[in-house]
Amino acid sequence: METLLHIACFALINAVLILAGYIIVKRAMVILSWLLLVITITTVHFIFLGDPPVLRMLAIIATTFTAMKLIAVAEAYKGKKFALTFKQWAIFASSWAGMRAQPFETLGGPPLPNAWPMVRFGISRIFIGALFIAVAHGVQALHLAENLSYMLISGLLLVGFSLILHFGLLSISAGMWRRHGANAYLLFRQPARALSLTEFWSKRWNIAFSEMTSVTIFRPLKNRIGAPAALMLAFAFSGLLHELALSLPVNAGYGLPMLYFIIQGLLVLFEKWLSINNIRFLQSKLIAHAWVFLGLVVPMPLLFHTQFIKEVVWVMGGIH
């Protein structure tokens, strides 16, 4: 009963964010939107303090995304006419993972092309993701050495859940909104093809996140403090949001996700330094793919630290 009350409070908070958000984004009240981000996440954190880590994570992530939409849209429409109706805004804010509201200005219009291919793609990825999770259970049944079992099961579950959510459900969502006239798009675009970490983070992996950090952090700051510093602050902000999503729910691992994104920011700056100095380190596709893979995977235990893996990922995967 207590958990249901917490969920009802969470729903009310997000509903208030969406209702108040329509006025805030129309008037481009950026400072107020940042204040609401802090207040709502803090409130949700304390409401779910005694709940299971999985539920705490989901509540914090959902509230963060809703609140960040207010900031991103208020920034994007600053000095421009806000063209969304309340219905379009409410659907965008509650039912789409992207951070750009402009595609939903056409919601309610004629269907857009490529909708069903996105849906079919998403369905296929859900099945493949479920297969990865099933294999993880098979690995558990083998009773391998503890460290080997941990790495294999964790890797399989992370890939499985990513396929189901990032490439499955979000692709289906994009396709269905295109059926209703919104110019929705894939938020994960063949990340394995990235030939640099710059390309990976800006154009291929979690476009919603790159949109969000670009609009709310990088663009407002780059002319004031310079592009390199603004870039590092954008990555640091990503680290902070991942601290909220990955460390706060399990009350452990603080600082590790932040360190992961600081490393990513430094590696991206290193790539830009190579380009400026005409050093062709990443011209070979083989080397480039190896560079991207190692840059992402080697420090990954910092991002998905042990406590999060055991208390959230394994629990969601039904692994005990």
C-alpha atoms as a PDB file:
ATOM      1  CA  MET A   1       0.000   0.000   0.000  1.00  0.00           C
ATOM      2  CA  GLU A   2       2.848   2.375   0.874  1.00  0.00           C
ATOM      3  CA  THR A   3       4.541   1.703  -2.470  1.00  0.00           C
ATOM      4  CA  LEU A   4       1.304   2.485  -4.320  1.00  0.00           C
ATOM      5  CA  LEU A   5       1.112   5.792  -2.453  1.00  0.00           C
ATOM      6  CA  HIS A   6       4.680   6.588  -3.492  1.00  0.00           C
ATOM      7  CA  ILE A   7       3.865   5.803  -7.131  1.00  0.00           C
ATOM      8  CA  ALA A   8       0.778   8.037  -6.934  1.00  0.00           C
ATOM      9  CA  CYS A   9       2.918  10.887  -5.560  1.00  0.00           C
ATOM     10  CA  PHE A  10       5.434  10.318  -8.361  1.00  0.00           C
ATOM     11  CA  ALA A  11       2.657  10.460 -10.973  1.00  0.00           C
ATOM     12  CA  LEU A  12       1.285  13.658  -9.427  1.00  0.00           C
ATOM     13  CA  ILE A  13       4.719  15.330  -9.435  1.00  0.00           C
ATOM     14  CA  ASN A  14       5.278  14.497 -13.097  1.00  0.00           C
ATOM     15  CA  ALA A  15       1.754  15.619 -14.004  1.00  0.00           C
ATOM     16  CA  VAL A  16       2.381  18.963 -12.303  1.00  0.00           C
ATOM     17  CA  LEU A  17       5.686  19.266 -14.182  1.00  0.00           C
ATOM     18  CA  ILE A  18       3.906  18.740 -17.494  1.00  0.00           C
ATOM     19  CA  LEU A  19       1.037  21.111 -16.677  1.00  0.00           C
ATOM     20  CA  ALA A  20       3.250  23.877 -15.317  1.00  0.00           C
ATOM     21  CA  GLY A  21       5.833  23.127 -17.981  1.00  0.00           C
ATOM     22  CA  TYR A  22       3.549  24.311 -20.758  1.00  0.00           C
ATOM     23  CA  ILE A  23       3.552  27.832 -19.306  1.00  0.00           C
ATOM     24  CA  ILE A  24       7.268  27.677 -18.479  1.00  0.00           C
ATOM     25  CA  VAL A  25       8.387  26.657 -21.976  1.00  0.00           C
ATOM     26  CA  LYS A  26       6.037  29.124 -23.693  1.00  0.00           C
ATOM     27  CA  ARG A  27       7.626  31.915 -21.680  1.00  0.00           C
ATOM     28  CA  ALA A  28      11.140  30.422 -21.903  1.00  0.00           C
ATOM     29  CA  MET A  29      11.556  30.546 -18.117  1.00  0.00           C
ATOM     30  CA  VAL A  30      14.898  28.719 -18.060  1.00  0.00           C
ATOM     31  CA  ILE A  31      15.924  29.522 -14.480  1.00  0.00           C
ATOM     32  CA  LEU A  32      12.589  28.338 -13.100  1.00  0.00           C
ATOM     33  CA  SER A  33      12.877  25.108 -15.090  1.00  0.00           C
ATOM     34  CA  TRP A  34      16.315  24.421 -13.530  1.00  0.00           C
ATOM     35  CA  LEU A  35      14.857  25.083 -10.083  1.00  0.00           C
ATOM     36  CA  LEU A  36      12.021  22.628 -10.725  1.00  0.00           C
ATOM     37  CA  LEU A  37      14.567  19.990 -11.788  1.00  0.00           C
ATOM     38  CA  VAL A  38      16.316  20.222  -8.413  1.00  0.00           C
ATOM     39  CA  ILE A  39      13.088  20.335  -6.393  1.00  0.00           C
ATOM     40  CA  THR A  40      11.339  17.432  -8.128  1.00  0.00           C
ATOM     41  CA  ILE A  41      14.312  15.060  -8.165  1.00  0.00           C
ATOM     42  CA  THR A  42      15.013  15.784  -4.499  1.00  0.00           C
ATOM     43  CA  THR A  43      11.362  15.183  -3.640  1.00  0.00           C
ATOM     44  CA  VAL A  44      11.167  11.910  -5.578  1.00  0.00           C
ATOM     45  CA  HIS A  45      14.441  10.753  -4.012  1.00  0.00           C
ATOM     46  CA  PHE A  46      13.058  11.155  -0.486  1.00  0.00           C
ATOM     47  CA  ILE A  47       9.642   9.723  -1.353  1.00  0.00           C
ATOM     48  CA  PHE A  48      11.205   6.481  -2.638  1.00  0.00           C
ATOM     49  CA  LEU A  49      13.997   6.350  -0.048  1.00  0.00           C
ATOM     50  CA  GLY A  50      12.773   3.097   1.489  1.00  0.00           C
ATOM     51  CA  ASP A  51      11.681   1.417  -1.748  1.00  0.00           C
ATOM     52  CA  PRO A  52      13.624  -1.211  -3.749  1.00  0.00           C
ATOM     53  CA  PRO A  53      16.514   0.178  -5.856  1.00  0.00           C
ATOM     54  CA  VAL A  54      14.840  -0.761  -9.161  1.00  0.00           C
ATOM     55  CA  LEU A  55      11.741   1.265  -8.344  1.00  0.00           C
ATOM     56  CA  ARG A  56      13.852   4.173  -7.058  1.00  0.00           C
ATOM     57  CA  MET A  57      15.896   4.159 -10.264  1.00  0.00           C
ATOM     58  CA  LEU A  58      12.844   4.162 -12.525  1.00  0.00           C
ATOM     59  CA  ALA A  59      11.179   6.987 -10.587  1.00  0.00           C
ATOM     60  CA  ILE A  60      14.319   9.147 -10.574  1.00  0.00           C
ATOM     61  CA  ILE A  61      15.041   8.574 -14.274  1.00  0.00           C
ATOM     62  CA  ALA A  62      11.460   9.316 -15.356  1.00  0.00           C
ATOM     63  CA  THR A  63      11.294  12.501 -13.281  1.00  0.00           C
ATOM     64  CA  THR A  64      14.704  13.618 -14.510  1.00  0.00           C
ATOM     65  CA  PHE A  65      13.653  13.199 -18.135  1.00  0.00           C
ATOM     66  CA  THR A  66      10.402  15.107 -17.600  1.00  0.00           C
ATOM     67  CA  ALA A  67      12.126  17.969 -15.781  1.00  0.00           C
ATOM     68  CA  MET A  68      15.003  18.140 -18.285  1.00  0.00           C
ATOM     69  CA  LYS A  69      12.483  18.548 -21.103  1.00  0.00           C
ATOM     70  CA  LEU A  70      11.348  21.804 -19.551  1.00  0.00           C
ATOM     71  CA  ILE A  71      14.936  23.091 -19.557  1.00  0.00           C
ATOM     72  CA  ALA A  72      15.790  21.840 -23.051  1.00  0.00           C
ATOM     73  CA  VAL A  73      12.600  23.160 -24.658  1.00  0.00           C
ATOM     74  CA  ALA A  74      12.736  26.495 -22.824  1.00  0.00           C
ATOM     75  CA  GLU A  75      16.308  26.948 -24.096  1.00  0.00           C
ATOM     76  CA  ALA A  76      15.472  25.802 -27.628  1.00  0.00           C
ATOM     77  CA  TYR A  77      12.500  28.171 -28.004  1.00  0.00           C
ATOM     78  CA  LYS A  78      14.157  31.161 -26.367  1.00  0.00           C
ATOM     79  CA  GLY A  79      13.452  34.125 -28.639  1.00  0.00           C
ATOM     80  CA  LYS A  80      11.178  31.993 -30.833  1.00  0.00           C
ATOM     81  CA  LYS A  81       7.440  31.382 -30.973  1.00  0.00           C
ATOM     82  CA  PHE A  82       6.392  28.218 -29.127  1.00  0.00           C
ATOM     83  CA  ALA A  83       4.304  26.400 -31.720  1.00  0.00           C
ATOM     84  CA  LEU A  84       3.009  23.341 -29.836  1.00  0.00           C
ATOM     85  CA  THR A  85      -0.568  23.067 -28.624  1.00  0.00           C
ATOM     86  CA  PHE A  86      -1.039  21.869 -25.058  1.00  0.00           C
ATOM     87  CA  LYS A  87      -1.992  18.403 -26.329  1.00  0.00           C
ATOM     88  CA  GLN A  88       1.153  18.200 -28.466  1.00  0.00           C
ATOM     89  CA  TRP A  89       3.287  19.373 -25.547  1.00  0.00           C
ATOM     90  CA  ALA A  90       1.705  16.935 -23.074  1.00  0.00           C
ATOM     91  CA  ILE A  91       2.226  13.969 -25.413  1.00  0.00           C
ATOM     92  CA  PHE A  92       5.810  15.024 -26.157  1.00  0.00           C
ATOM     93  CA  ALA A  93       6.618  15.534 -22.471  1.00  0.00           C
ATOM     94  CA  SER A  94       5.042  12.302 -21.247  1.00  0.00           C
ATOM     95  CA  SER A  95       5.385   9.840 -24.130  1.00  0.00           C
ATOM     96  CA  TRP A  96       8.569  10.543 -26.098  1.00  0.00           C
ATOM     97  CA  ALA A  97      12.168  10.078 -24.936  1.00  0.00           C
ATOM     98  CA  GLY A  98      13.703  12.707 -27.228  1.00  0.00           C
ATOM     99  CA  MET A  99      14.465  16.227 -26.031  1.00  0.00           C
ATOM    100  CA  ARG A 100      13.535  18.215 -29.169  1.00  0.00           C
ATOM    101  CA  ALA A 101       9.909  19.368 -29.160  1.00  0.00           C
ATOM    102  CA  GLN A 102       9.909  20.620 -32.763  1.00  0.00           C
ATOM    103  CA  PRO A 103       9.097  17.194 -34.297  1.00  0.00           C
ATOM    104  CA  PHE A 104       5.825  17.175 -32.347  1.00  0.00           C
ATOM    105  CA  GLU A 105       4.637  20.433 -33.893  1.00  0.00           C
ATOM    106  CA  THR A 106       3.211  18.251 -36.699  1.00  0.00           C
ATOM    107  CA  LEU A 107       1.576  15.699 -34.365  1.00  0.00           C
ATOM    108  CA  GLY A 108      -1.959  15.018 -35.576  1.00  0.00           C
ATOM    109  CA  GLY A 109      -1.023  15.480 -39.220  1.00  0.00           C
ATOM    110  CA  PRO A 110      -0.818  12.806 -41.936  1.00  0.00           C
ATOM    111  CA  PRO A 111       1.344   9.719 -41.273  1.00  0.00           C
ATOM    112  CA  LEU A 112       5.027  10.088 -42.106  1.00  0.00           C
ATOM    113  CA  PRO A 113       7.070   7.497 -44.047  1.00  0.00           C
ATOM    114  CA  ASN A 114       9.234   4.728 -42.547  1.00  0.00           C
ATOM    115  CA  ALA A 115       6.955   4.207 -39.559  1.00  0.00           C
ATOM    116  CA  TRP A 116       6.412   0.465 -39.904  1.00  0.00           C
ATOM    117  CA  PRO A 117      10.083  -0.363 -40.641  1.00  0.00           C
ATOM    118  CA  MET A 118      10.944   1.316 -37.301  1.00  0.00           C
ATOM    119  CA  VAL A 119       8.275  -0.722 -35.529  1.00  0.00           C
ATOM    120  CA  ARG A 120       9.434  -3.988 -37.100  1.00  0.00           C
ATOM    121  CA  PHE A 121      13.045  -3.161 -36.244  1.00  0.00           C
ATOM    122  CA  GLY A 122      12.066  -2.511 -32.634  1.00  0.00           C
ATOM    123  CA  ILE A 123      10.108  -5.747 -32.304  1.00  0.00           C
ATOM    124  CA  SER A 124      13.040  -7.769 -33.661  1.00  0.00           C
ATOM    125  CA  ARG A 125      15.421  -6.145 -31.133  1.00  0.00           C
ATOM    126  CA  ILE A 126      13.101  -6.973 -28.250  1.00  0.00           C
ATOM    127  CA  PHE A 127      13.224 -10.648 -29.220  1.00  0.00           C
ATOM    128  CA  ILE A 128      17.012 -10.578 -29.563  1.00  0.00           C
ATOM    129  CA  GLY A 129      17.341  -8.793 -26.218  1.00  0.00           C
ATOM    130  CA  ALA A 130      15.153 -11.391 -24.545  1.00  0.00           C
ATOM    131  CA  LEU A 131      17.432 -14.067 -25.998  1.00  0.00           C
ATOM    132  CA  PHE A 132      20.467 -12.413 -24.390  1.00  0.00           C
ATOM    133  CA  ILE A 133      18.708 -12.433 -21.019  1.00  0.00           C
ATOM    134  CA  ALA A 134      17.820 -16.109 -21.481  1.00  0.00           C
ATOM    135  CA  VAL A 135      21.484 -16.885 -22.238  1.00  0.00           C
ATOM    136  CA  ALA A 136      22.448 -15.048 -19.033  1.00  0.00           C
ATOM    137  CA  HIS A 137      20.249 -17.471 -17.102  1.00  0.00           C
ATOM    138  CA  GLY A 138      21.943 -20.333 -18.913  1.00  0.00           C
ATOM    139  CA  VAL A 139      25.359 -19.025 -17.877  1.00  0.00           C
ATOM    140  CA  GLN A 140      24.181 -18.831 -14.265  1.00  0.00           C
ATOM    141  CA  ALA A 141      23.169 -22.482 -14.407  1.00  0.00           C
ATOM    142  CA  LEU A 142      26.722 -23.473 -15.451  1.00  0.00           C
ATOM    143  CA  HIS A 143      28.136 -22.440 -12.035  1.00  0.00           C
ATOM    144  CA  LEU A 144      31.324 -20.989 -13.495  1.00  0.00           C
ATOM    145  CA  ALA A 145      34.040 -19.250 -11.484  1.00  0.00           C
ATOM    146  CA  GLU A 146      32.551 -16.291  -9.626  1.00  0.00           C
ATOM    147  CA  ASN A 147      34.419 -13.504 -11.454  1.00  0.00           C
ATOM    148  CA  LEU A 148      33.884 -15.049 -14.881  1.00  0.00           C
ATOM    149  CA  SER A 149      30.201 -15.682 -14.140  1.00  0.00           C
ATOM    150  CA  TYR A 150      29.758 -12.079 -12.950  1.00  0.00           C
ATOM    151  CA  MET A 151      31.316 -10.605 -16.096  1.00  0.00           C
ATOM    152  CA  LEU A 152      29.430 -12.850 -18.514  1.00  0.00           C
ATOM    153  CA  ILE A 153      26.029 -12.510 -16.835  1.00  0.00           C
ATOM    154  CA  SER A 154      26.384  -8.746 -16.351  1.00  0.00           C
ATOM    155  CA  GLY A 155      27.482  -8.205 -19.949  1.00  0.00           C
ATOM    156  CA  LEU A 156      24.663 -10.323 -21.347  1.00  0.00           C
ATOM    157  CA  LEU A 157      22.048  -8.571 -19.216  1.00  0.00           C
ATOM    158  CA  LEU A 158      23.305  -5.070 -20.080  1.00  0.00           C
ATOM    159  CA  VAL A 159      23.270  -5.858 -23.797  1.00  0.00           C
ATOM    160  CA  GLY A 160      19.878  -7.554 -23.494  1.00  0.00           C
ATOM    161  CA  PHE A 161      18.222  -4.662 -21.683  1.00  0.00           C
ATOM    162  CA  SER A 162      19.806  -2.154 -24.066  1.00  0.00           C
ATOM    163  CA  LEU A 163      18.420  -4.038 -27.062  1.00  0.00           C
ATOM    164  CA  ILE A 164      14.957  -4.208 -25.477  1.00  0.00           C
ATOM    165  CA  LEU A 165      14.782  -0.562 -24.374  1.00  0.00           C
ATOM    166  CA  HIS A 166      17.117   1.509 -26.549  1.00  0.00           C
ATOM    167  CA  PHE A 167      16.722  -0.335 -29.844  1.00  0.00           C
ATOM    168  CA  GLY A 168      13.382  -2.027 -29.194  1.00  0.00           C
ATOM    169  CA  LEU A 169      10.809   0.007 -27.295  1.00  0.00           C
ATOM    170  CA  LEU A 170      12.204   3.395 -28.335  1.00  0.00           C
ATOM    171  CA  SER A 171      12.246   2.396 -32.011  1.00  0.00           C
ATOM    172  CA  ILE A 172       8.644   1.196 -31.762  1.00  0.00           C
ATOM    173  CA  SER A 173       7.753   4.490 -30.056  1.00  0.00           C
ATOM    174  CA  ALA A 174       9.374   6.488 -32.868  1.00  0.00           C
ATOM    175  CA  GLY A 175       7.524   4.490 -35.510  1.00  0.00           C
ATOM    176  CA  MET A 176       4.153   4.804 -33.813  1.00  0.00           C
ATOM    177  CA  TRP A 177       4.482   8.576 -33.382  1.00  0.00           C
ATOM    178  CA  ARG A 178       5.422   8.869 -37.047  1.00  0.00           C
ATOM    179  CA  ARG A 179       2.151   7.095 -37.796  1.00  0.00           C
ATOM    180  CA  HIS A 180       0.436  10.001 -36.031  1.00  0.00           C
ATOM    181  CA  GLY A 181       2.302  12.735 -37.881  1.00  0.00           C
ATOM    182  CA  ALA A 182       5.120  13.523 -35.424  1.00  0.00           C
ATOM    183  CA  ASN A 183       8.535  13.597 -37.071  1.00  0.00           C
ATOM    184  CA  ALA A 184      10.012  11.218 -34.473  1.00  0.00           C
ATOM    185  CA  TYR A 185      13.347   9.557 -35.196  1.00  0.00           C
ATOM    186  CA  LEU A 186      15.629   6.779 -33.998  1.00  0.00           C
ATOM    187  CA  LEU A 187      17.497   7.803 -30.857  1.00  0.00           C
ATOM    188  CA  PHE A 188      20.138   5.080 -31.253  1.00  0.00           C
ATOM    189  CA  ARG A 189      21.634   5.060 -34.755  1.00  0.00           C
ATOM    190  CA  GLN A 190      23.908   2.102 -35.495  1.00  0.00           C
ATOM    191  CA  PRO A 191      26.451   2.939 -32.757  1.00  0.00           C
ATOM    192  CA  ALA A 192      28.727   0.069 -33.832  1.00  0.00           C
ATOM    193  CA  ARG A 193      29.540   2.054 -37.002  1.00  0.00           C
ATOM    194  CA  ALA A 194      31.057   4.970 -35.078  1.00  0.00           C
ATOM    195  CA  LEU A 195      34.635   5.726 -36.153  1.00  0.00           C
ATOM    196  CA  SER A 196      35.357   8.061 -33.249  1.00  0.00           C
ATOM    197  CA  LEU A 197      34.081   8.706 -29.754  1.00  0.00           C
ATOM    198  CA  THR A 198      32.999  12.147 -30.955  1.00  0.00           C
ATOM    199  CA  GLU A 199      30.747  10.524 -33.552  1.00  0.00           C
ATOM    200  CA  PHE A 200      29.528   7.923 -31.063  1.00  0.00           C
ATOM    201  CA  TRP A 201      28.428  10.403 -28.399  1.00  0.00           C
ATOM    202  CA  SER A 202      27.094  13.148 -30.675  1.00  0.00           C
ATOM    203  CA  LYS A 203      25.441  11.285 -33.551  1.00  0.00           C
ATOM    204  CA  ARG A 204      24.857   7.639 -32.735  1.00  0.00           C
ATOM    205  CA  TRP A 205      24.327   6.836 -29.035  1.00  0.00           C
ATOM    206  CA  ASN A 206      21.357   8.185 -27.071  1.00  0.00           C
ATOM    207  CA  ILE A 207      20.581  11.197 -29.244  1.00  0.00           C
ATOM    208  CA  ALA A 208      18.151  12.379 -26.558  1.00  0.00           C
ATOM    209  CA  PHE A 209      21.043  12.799 -24.131  1.00  0.00           C
ATOM    210  CA  SER A 210      23.298  14.538 -26.645  1.00  0.00           C
ATOM    211  CA  GLU A 211      20.412  16.857 -27.598  1.00  0.00           C
ATOM    212  CA  MET A 212      19.811  17.618 -23.954  1.00  0.00           C
ATOM    213  CA  THR A 213      23.413  18.385 -23.004  1.00  0.00           C
ATOM    214  CA  SER A 214      24.002  20.335 -26.212  1.00  0.00           C
ATOM    215  CA  VAL A 215      20.963  22.595 -25.780  1.00  0.00           C
ATOM    216  CA  THR A 216      21.163  23.066 -22.003  1.00  0.00           C
ATOM    217  CA  ILE A 217      24.931  23.118 -21.330  1.00  0.00           C
ATOM    218  CA  PHE A 218      27.221  23.269 -24.382  1.00  0.00           C
ATOM    219  CA  ARG A 219      25.520  25.908 -26.537  1.00  0.00           C
ATOM    220  CA  PRO A 220      24.723  28.392 -23.734  1.00  0.00           C
ATOM    221  CA  LEU A 221      28.302  28.186 -22.392  1.00  0.00           C
ATOM    222  CA  LYS A 222      30.613  27.734 -25.386  1.00  0.00           C
ATOM    223  CA  ASN A 223      30.843  31.453 -26.228  1.00  0.00           C
ATOM    224  CA  ARG A 224      31.387  32.375 -22.588  1.00  0.00           C
ATOM    225  CA  ILE A 225      34.016  29.871 -21.503  1.00  0.00           C
ATOM    226  CA  GLY A 226      35.176  28.343 -24.786  1.00  0.00           C
ATOM    227  CA  ALA A 227      34.167  25.139 -26.573  1.00  0.00           C
ATOM    228  CA  PRO A 228      36.607  22.752 -24.756  1.00  0.00           C
ATOM    229  CA  ALA A 229      35.468  23.835 -21.282  1.00  0.00           C
ATOM    230  CA  ALA A 230      31.808  23.779 -22.343  1.00  0.00           C
ATOM    231  CA  LEU A 231      32.300  20.285 -23.748  1.00  0.00           C
ATOM    232  CA  MET A 232      33.814  19.039 -20.493  1.00  0.00           C
ATOM    233  CA  LEU A 233      30.966  20.592 -18.504  1.00  0.00           C
ATOM    234  CA  ALA A 234      28.462  18.870 -20.798  1.00  0.00           C
ATOM    235  CA  PHE A 235      30.120  15.510 -20.135  1.00  0.00           C
ATOM    236  CA  ALA A 236      30.306  16.293 -16.410  1.00  0.00           C
ATOM    237  CA  PHE A 237      26.585  17.073 -16.427  1.00  0.00           C
ATOM    238  CA  SER A 238      25.948  13.724 -18.130  1.00  0.00           C
ATOM    239  CA  GLY A 239      28.004  12.171 -15.354  1.00  0.00           C
ATOM    240  CA  LEU A 240      25.883  13.906 -12.728  1.00  0.00           C
ATOM    241  CA  LEU A 241      22.643  12.657 -14.276  1.00  0.00           C
ATOM    242  CA  HIS A 242      24.067   9.133 -14.374  1.00  0.00           C
ATOM    243  CA  GLU A 243      25.005   9.470 -10.714  1.00  0.00           C
ATOM    244  CA  LEU A 244      21.319  10.152 -10.037  1.00  0.00           C
ATOM    245  CA  ALA A 245      20.263   7.156 -12.135  1.00  0.00           C
ATOM    246  CA  LEU A 246      22.931   4.594 -11.212  1.00  0.00           C
ATOM    247  CA  SER A 247      24.463   5.501  -7.839  1.00  0.00           C
ATOM    248  CA  LEU A 248      21.674   7.202  -5.907  1.00  0.00           C
ATOM    249  CA  PRO A 249      19.169   4.302  -6.162  1.00  0.00           C
ATOM    250  CA  VAL A 250      21.670   1.873  -4.585  1.00  0.00           C
ATOM    251  CA  ASN A 251      23.377   4.468  -2.356  1.00  0.00           C
ATOM    252  CA  ALA A 252      26.803   3.340  -3.555  1.00  0.00           C
ATOM    253  CA  GLY A 253      29.375   3.947  -6.272  1.00  0.00           C
ATOM    254  CA  TYR A 254      29.250   7.712  -5.948  1.00  0.00           C
ATOM    255  CA  GLY A 255      31.735   9.456  -8.229  1.00  0.00           C
ATOM    256  CA  LEU A 256      32.317   6.475 -10.512  1.00  0.00           C
ATOM    257  CA  PRO A 257      29.790   7.362 -13.265  1.00  0.00           C
ATOM    258  CA  MET A 258      31.049  10.948 -13.118  1.00  0.00           C
ATOM    259  CA  LEU A 259      34.619   9.729 -13.597  1.00  0.00           C
ATOM    260  CA  TYR A 260      33.504   7.618 -16.576  1.00  0.00           C
ATOM    261  CA  PHE A 261      32.063  10.653 -18.358  1.00  0.00           C
ATOM    262  CA  ILE A 262      35.033  12.845 -17.478  1.00  0.00           C
ATOM    263  CA  ILE A 263      37.225  10.232 -19.157  1.00  0.00           C
ATOM    264  CA  GLN A 264      34.928  10.245 -22.214  1.00  0.00           C
ATOM    265  CA  GLY A 265      35.121  14.034 -22.413  1.00  0.00           C
ATOM    266  CA  LEU A 266      38.920  13.972 -22.242  1.00  0.00           C
ATOM    267  CA  LEU A 267      39.070  11.319 -24.963  1.00  0.00           C
ATOM    268  CA  VAL A 268      36.806  13.405 -27.207  1.00  0.00           C
ATOM    269  CA  LEU A 269      39.056  16.444 -26.634  1.00  0.00           C
ATOM    270  CA  PHE A 270      42.039  14.255 -27.499  1.00  0.00           C
ATOM    271  CA  GLU A 271      40.358  13.333 -30.797  1.00  0.00           C
ATOM    272  CA  LYS A 272      39.820  17.010 -31.561  1.00  0.00           C
ATOM    273  CA  TRP A 273      43.501  17.690 -30.770  1.00  0.00           C
ATOM    274  CA  LEU A 274      44.505  14.922 -33.211  1.00  0.00           C
ATOM    275  CA  SER A 275      42.311  16.480 -35.906  1.00  0.00           C
ATOM    276  CA  ILE A 276      43.647  20.010 -35.322  1.00  0.00           C
ATOM    277  CA  ASN A 277      47.234  18.758 -35.542  1.00  0.00           C
ATOM    278  CA  ASN A 278      46.461  16.649 -38.617  1.00  0.00           C
ATOM    279  CA  ILE A 279      47.484  13.423 -36.858  1.00  0.00           C
ATOM    280  CA  ARG A 280      45.813  10.622 -38.778  1.00  0.00           C
ATOM    281  CA  PHE A 281      45.624   8.148 -35.907  1.00  0.00           C
ATOM    282  CA  LEU A 282      41.984   7.257 -36.602  1.00  0.00           C
ATOM    283  CA  GLN A 283      42.108   7.165 -40.405  1.00  0.00           C
ATOM    284  CA  SER A 284      42.229   3.360 -40.447  1.00  0.00           C
ATOM    285  CA  LYS A 285      38.723   1.963 -39.864  1.00  0.00           C
ATOM    286  CA  LEU A 286      40.120  -1.023 -37.981  1.00  0.00           C
ATOM    287  CA  ILE A 287      42.066   1.195 -35.590  1.00  0.00           C
ATOM    288  CA  ALA A 288      39.136   3.591 -35.274  1.00  0.00           C
ATOM    289  CA  HIS A 289      36.705   0.825 -34.321  1.00  0.00           C
ATOM    290  CA  ALA A 290      39.212  -0.597 -31.831  1.00  0.00           C
ATOM    291  CA  TRP A 291      39.742   2.875 -30.348  1.00  0.00           C
ATOM    292  CA  VAL A 292      36.000   3.447 -29.892  1.00  0.00           C
ATOM    293  CA  PHE A 293      35.446  -0.018 -28.414  1.00  0.00           C
ATOM    294  CA  LEU A 294      38.310   0.217 -25.936  1.00  0.00           C
ATOM    295  CA  GLY A 295      37.488   3.812 -25.011  1.00  0.00           C
ATOM    296  CA  LEU A 296      33.937   2.833 -24.135  1.00  0.00           C
ATOM    297  CA  VAL A 297      34.386  -0.626 -22.638  1.00  0.00           C
ATOM    298  CA  VAL A 298      37.632  -0.483 -20.619  1.00  0.00           C
ATOM    299  CA  PRO A 299      36.339   2.159 -18.159  1.00  0.00           C
ATOM    300  CA  MET A 300      32.760   0.800 -18.217  1.00  0.00           C
ATOM    301  CA  PRO A 301      32.965  -0.808 -14.734  1.00  0.00           C
ATOM    302  CA  LEU A 302      33.092   2.773 -13.455  1.00  0.00           C
ATOM    303  CA  LEU A 303      29.716   3.494 -15.035  1.00  0.00           C
ATOM    304  CA  PHE A 304      27.979   0.220 -14.216  1.00  0.00           C
ATOM    305  CA  HIS A 305      29.547  -0.377 -10.835  1.00  0.00           C
ATOM    306  CA  THR A 306      29.109  -3.606  -8.896  1.00  0.00           C
ATOM    307  CA  GLN A 307      26.405  -2.419  -6.512  1.00  0.00           C
ATOM    308  CA  PHE A 308      24.223  -1.176  -9.381  1.00  0.00           C
ATOM    309  CA  ILE A 309      24.763  -4.370 -11.353  1.00  0.00           C
ATOM    310  CA  LYS A 310      23.838  -6.625  -8.423  1.00  0.00           C
ATOM    311  CA  GLU A 311      20.941  -4.605  -6.962  1.00  0.00           C
ATOM    312  CA  VAL A 312      19.344  -3.367 -10.199  1.00  0.00           C
ATOM    313  CA  VAL A 313      20.514  -5.143 -13.360  1.00  0.00           C
ATOM    314  CA  TRP A 314      20.596  -8.649 -11.897  1.00  0.00           C
ATOM    315  CA  VAL A 315      17.287  -8.122 -10.081  1.00  0.00           C
ATOM    316  CA  MET A 316      15.593  -6.882 -13.274  1.00  0.00           C
ATOM    317  CA  GLY A 317      17.006  -9.886 -15.111  1.00  0.00           C
ATOM    318  CA  GLY A 318      15.737 -12.339 -12.489  1.00  0.00           C
ATOM    319  CA  ILE A 319      19.269 -13.401 -11.534  1.00  0.00           C
ATOM    320  CA  HIS A 320      19.895 -14.207  -7.876  1.00  0.00           C
END
